[in-house]
C-alpha atoms as a PDB file:
ATOM      1  CA  MET A   1     -96.365 -83.016  34.692  1.00  0.00           C
ATOM      2  CA  TYR A   2     -94.569 -81.864  37.783  1.00  0.00           C
ATOM      3  CA  LYS A   3     -94.166 -78.253  38.852  1.00  0.00           C
ATOM      4  CA  ILE A   4     -90.730 -77.390  40.265  1.00  0.00           C
ATOM      5  CA  LEU A   5     -89.946 -74.266  42.300  1.00  0.00           C
ATOM      6  CA  LEU A   6     -86.344 -73.100  41.828  1.00  0.00           C
ATOM      7  CA  VAL A   7     -85.060 -70.709  44.494  1.00  0.00           C
ATOM      8  CA  ASP A   8     -81.629 -69.100  44.318  1.00  0.00           C
ATOM      9  CA  ASP A   9     -80.547 -65.480  44.606  1.00  0.00           C
ATOM     10  CA  ALA A  10     -78.338 -65.981  41.528  1.00  0.00           C
ATOM     11  CA  GLY A  11     -80.432 -65.928  38.357  1.00  0.00           C
ATOM     12  CA  PHE A  12     -77.784 -67.817  36.384  1.00  0.00           C
ATOM     13  CA  MET A  13     -77.976 -70.710  38.883  1.00  0.00           C
ATOM     14  CA  ARG A  14     -81.752 -70.949  38.419  1.00  0.00           C
ATOM     15  CA  MET A  15     -81.255 -70.844  34.656  1.00  0.00           C
ATOM     16  CA  MET A  16     -78.600 -73.579  34.766  1.00  0.00           C
ATOM     17  CA  ILE A  17     -80.791 -75.915  36.852  1.00  0.00           C
ATOM     18  CA  LYS A  18     -83.783 -75.188  34.619  1.00  0.00           C
ATOM     19  CA  ASN A  19     -81.732 -75.988  31.488  1.00  0.00           C
ATOM     20  CA  TYR A  20     -80.511 -79.290  32.965  1.00  0.00           C
ATOM     21  CA  LEU A  21     -83.995 -80.338  34.021  1.00  0.00           C
ATOM     22  CA  THR A  22     -85.619 -79.235  30.756  1.00  0.00           C
ATOM     23  CA  LYS A  23     -83.217 -81.532  28.882  1.00  0.00           C
ATOM     24  CA  ALA A  24     -84.323 -84.335  31.220  1.00  0.00           C
ATOM     25  CA  GLY A  25     -87.999 -83.784  30.364  1.00  0.00           C
ATOM     26  CA  TYR A  26     -89.247 -81.435  33.099  1.00  0.00           C
ATOM     27  CA  THR A  27     -91.030 -78.386  31.730  1.00  0.00           C
ATOM     28  CA  ASP A  28     -93.001 -76.565  34.441  1.00  0.00           C
ATOM     29  CA  PHE A  29     -90.911 -74.185  36.548  1.00  0.00           C
ATOM     30  CA  VAL A  30     -91.541 -71.340  38.972  1.00  0.00           C
ATOM     31  CA  GLU A  31     -88.626 -69.177  40.113  1.00  0.00           C
ATOM     32  CA  GLY A  32     -87.878 -67.193  43.250  1.00  0.00           C
ATOM     33  CA  GLU A  33     -84.857 -65.170  44.333  1.00  0.00           C
ATOM     34  CA  ASP A  34     -84.918 -65.539  48.121  1.00  0.00           C
ATOM     35  CA  GLY A  35     -86.436 -67.516  50.967  1.00  0.00           C
ATOM     36  CA  GLN A  36     -89.268 -65.071  51.552  1.00  0.00           C
ATOM     37  CA  ARG A  37     -90.350 -65.386  47.929  1.00  0.00           C
ATOM     38  CA  ALA A  38     -89.968 -69.184  48.150  1.00  0.00           C
ATOM     39  CA  VAL A  39     -92.549 -69.318  50.941  1.00  0.00           C
ATOM     40  CA  GLU A  40     -94.959 -67.026  49.026  1.00  0.00           C
ATOM     41  CA  LEU A  41     -94.571 -69.017  45.804  1.00  0.00           C
ATOM     42  CA  TYR A  42     -94.973 -72.316  47.624  1.00  0.00           C
ATOM     43  CA  GLN A  43     -98.341 -71.167  48.972  1.00  0.00           C
ATOM     44  CA  GLN A  44     -99.493 -69.776  45.610  1.00  0.00           C
ATOM     45  CA  GLU A  45     -98.167 -72.429  43.238  1.00  0.00           C
ATOM     46  CA  LYS A  46     -98.192 -75.662  45.306  1.00  0.00           C
ATOM     47  CA  PRO A  47     -95.138 -77.083  43.500  1.00  0.00           C
ATOM     48  CA  ASP A  48     -94.325 -80.799  43.535  1.00  0.00           C
ATOM     49  CA  LEU A  49     -90.685 -80.079  44.384  1.00  0.00           C
ATOM     50  CA  VAL A  50     -88.626 -77.168  45.698  1.00  0.00           C
ATOM     51  CA  ILE A  51     -84.933 -76.886  44.825  1.00  0.00           C
ATOM     52  CA  MET A  52     -83.542 -74.179  47.084  1.00  0.00           C
ATOM     53  CA  ASP A  53     -80.199 -72.603  47.901  1.00  0.00           C
ATOM     54  CA  ILE A  54     -79.209 -72.446  51.568  1.00  0.00           C
ATOM     55  CA  THR A  55     -77.506 -69.039  51.489  1.00  0.00           C
ATOM     56  CA  MET A  56     -79.849 -66.239  50.342  1.00  0.00           C
ATOM     57  CA  PRO A  57     -80.819 -62.711  51.406  1.00  0.00           C
ATOM     58  CA  ASN A  58     -83.965 -61.784  53.398  1.00  0.00           C
ATOM     59  CA  LEU A  59     -84.735 -65.335  54.526  1.00  0.00           C
ATOM     60  CA  ASP A  60     -82.166 -68.082  54.044  1.00  0.00           C
ATOM     61  CA  GLY A  61     -82.944 -71.570  52.804  1.00  0.00           C
ATOM     62  CA  ILE A  62     -83.101 -73.036  56.322  1.00  0.00           C
ATOM     63  CA  GLY A  63     -85.687 -70.434  57.403  1.00  0.00           C
ATOM     64  CA  ALA A  64     -87.679 -70.938  54.214  1.00  0.00           C
ATOM     65  CA  LEU A  65     -87.570 -74.725  54.661  1.00  0.00           C
ATOM     66  CA  LYS A  66     -89.009 -74.350  58.175  1.00  0.00           C
ATOM     67  CA  GLU A  67     -91.836 -72.116  56.888  1.00  0.00           C
ATOM     68  CA  ILE A  68     -92.633 -74.373  53.927  1.00  0.00           C
ATOM     69  CA  LYS A  69     -92.751 -77.437  56.203  1.00  0.00           C
ATOM     70  CA  LYS A  70     -95.190 -75.562  58.500  1.00  0.00           C
ATOM     71  CA  ILE A  71     -97.456 -74.915  55.497  1.00  0.00           C
ATOM     72  CA  ASP A  72     -97.065 -78.448  54.141  1.00  0.00           C
ATOM     73  CA  PRO A  73     -95.333 -81.089  56.267  1.00  0.00           C
ATOM     74  CA  GLY A  74     -95.175 -83.332  53.184  1.00  0.00           C
ATOM     75  CA  ALA A  75     -93.342 -80.757  51.038  1.00  0.00           C
ATOM     76  CA  LYS A  76     -90.545 -82.179  48.912  1.00  0.00           C
ATOM     77  CA  VAL A  77     -87.489 -79.927  49.261  1.00  0.00           C
ATOM     78  CA  VAL A  78     -83.959 -80.433  47.945  1.00  0.00           C
ATOM     79  CA  MET A  79     -81.349 -78.000  49.266  1.00  0.00           C
ATOM     80  CA  CYS A  80     -78.347 -76.643  47.368  1.00  0.00           C
ATOM     81  CA  SER A  81     -75.184 -75.670  49.161  1.00  0.00           C
ATOM     82  CA  ALA A  82     -71.656 -74.575  48.490  1.00  0.00           C
ATOM     83  CA  MET A  83     -68.783 -76.659  49.775  1.00  0.00           C
ATOM     84  CA  GLY A  84     -68.125 -76.120  53.465  1.00  0.00           C
ATOM     85  CA  GLN A  85     -71.774 -75.730  54.536  1.00  0.00           C
ATOM     86  CA  GLU A  86     -72.044 -79.227  56.017  1.00  0.00           C
ATOM     87  CA  SER A  87     -73.563 -78.094  59.318  1.00  0.00           C
ATOM     88  CA  MET A  88     -76.318 -76.196  57.485  1.00  0.00           C
ATOM     89  CA  VAL A  89     -76.903 -79.166  55.210  1.00  0.00           C
ATOM     90  CA  MET A  90     -77.269 -81.465  58.227  1.00  0.00           C
ATOM     91  CA  GLU A  91     -79.713 -78.997  59.805  1.00  0.00           C
ATOM     92  CA  ALA A  92     -81.731 -78.918  56.567  1.00  0.00           C
ATOM     93  CA  ILE A  93     -81.918 -82.727  56.456  1.00  0.00           C
ATOM     94  CA  THR A  94     -82.981 -82.780  60.125  1.00  0.00           C
ATOM     95  CA  LEU A  95     -85.719 -80.264  59.293  1.00  0.00           C
ATOM     96  CA  GLY A  96     -87.044 -82.481  56.529  1.00  0.00           C
ATOM     97  CA  ALA A  97     -85.117 -81.713  53.337  1.00  0.00           C
ATOM     98  CA  MET A  98     -85.078 -84.848  51.187  1.00  0.00           C
ATOM     99  CA  ASP A  99     -81.604 -84.391  49.743  1.00  0.00           C
ATOM    100  CA  PHE A 100     -78.966 -81.821  48.960  1.00  0.00           C
ATOM    101  CA  ILE A 101     -76.862 -80.958  45.942  1.00  0.00           C
ATOM    102  CA  VAL A 102     -73.420 -79.404  46.324  1.00  0.00           C
ATOM    103  CA  LYS A 103     -72.325 -76.511  44.099  1.00  0.00           C
ATOM    104  CA  PRO A 104     -70.807 -76.427  41.551  1.00  0.00           C
ATOM    105  CA  PHE A 105     -73.599 -78.539  40.125  1.00  0.00           C
ATOM    106  CA  LYS A 106     -73.135 -81.514  37.891  1.00  0.00           C
ATOM    107  CA  GLN A 107     -76.005 -82.035  35.477  1.00  0.00           C
ATOM    108  CA  GLU A 108     -76.250 -85.786  36.189  1.00  0.00           C
ATOM    109  CA  ARG A 109     -76.464 -85.184  39.952  1.00  0.00           C
ATOM    110  CA  ILE A 110     -79.332 -82.691  39.638  1.00  0.00           C
ATOM    111  CA  VAL A 111     -81.282 -84.883  37.224  1.00  0.00           C
ATOM    112  CA  GLN A 112     -80.632 -88.015  39.310  1.00  0.00           C
ATOM    113  CA  THR A 113     -81.828 -86.286  42.499  1.00  0.00           C
ATOM    114  CA  VAL A 114     -84.985 -84.902  40.876  1.00  0.00           C
ATOM    115  CA  ASN A 115     -85.781 -88.253  39.227  1.00  0.00           C
ATOM    116  CA  LYS A 116     -85.481 -89.931  42.619  1.00  0.00           C
ATOM    117  CA  VAL A 117     -87.978 -87.498  44.169  1.00  0.00           C
ATOM    118  CA  LEU A 118     -90.271 -87.094  41.131  1.00  0.00           C
ATOM    119  CA  PRO A 119     -90.128 -90.179  38.924  1.00  0.00           C
ATOM    120  CA  LEU A 120     -90.922 -89.290  35.313  1.00  0.00           C
END
């Protein structure tokens, strides 16, 4: 089974994504609250996929994406963004993010994106 790292400074957002993905059959999750923690957890846990917010304290999603890609150029990362963050989303894609999901999330969109990256 796949291990998914969820990174968002809002605990309820992590919980919502986890609930959606659990219903879709994914069961192994690791959670972090900022970009710095995302990098640490990526090294420790070696997840199959990272779903990460762009805007976070300490180290934002763009900075964390850069660090994770240095550790593992093949890392699978999907970014989450609020409306109006198009330039950051484009930067994330340029840096190697596989996809992005816009908040507020729709369950089908999250599941569809994860299934595309990690086929069940």
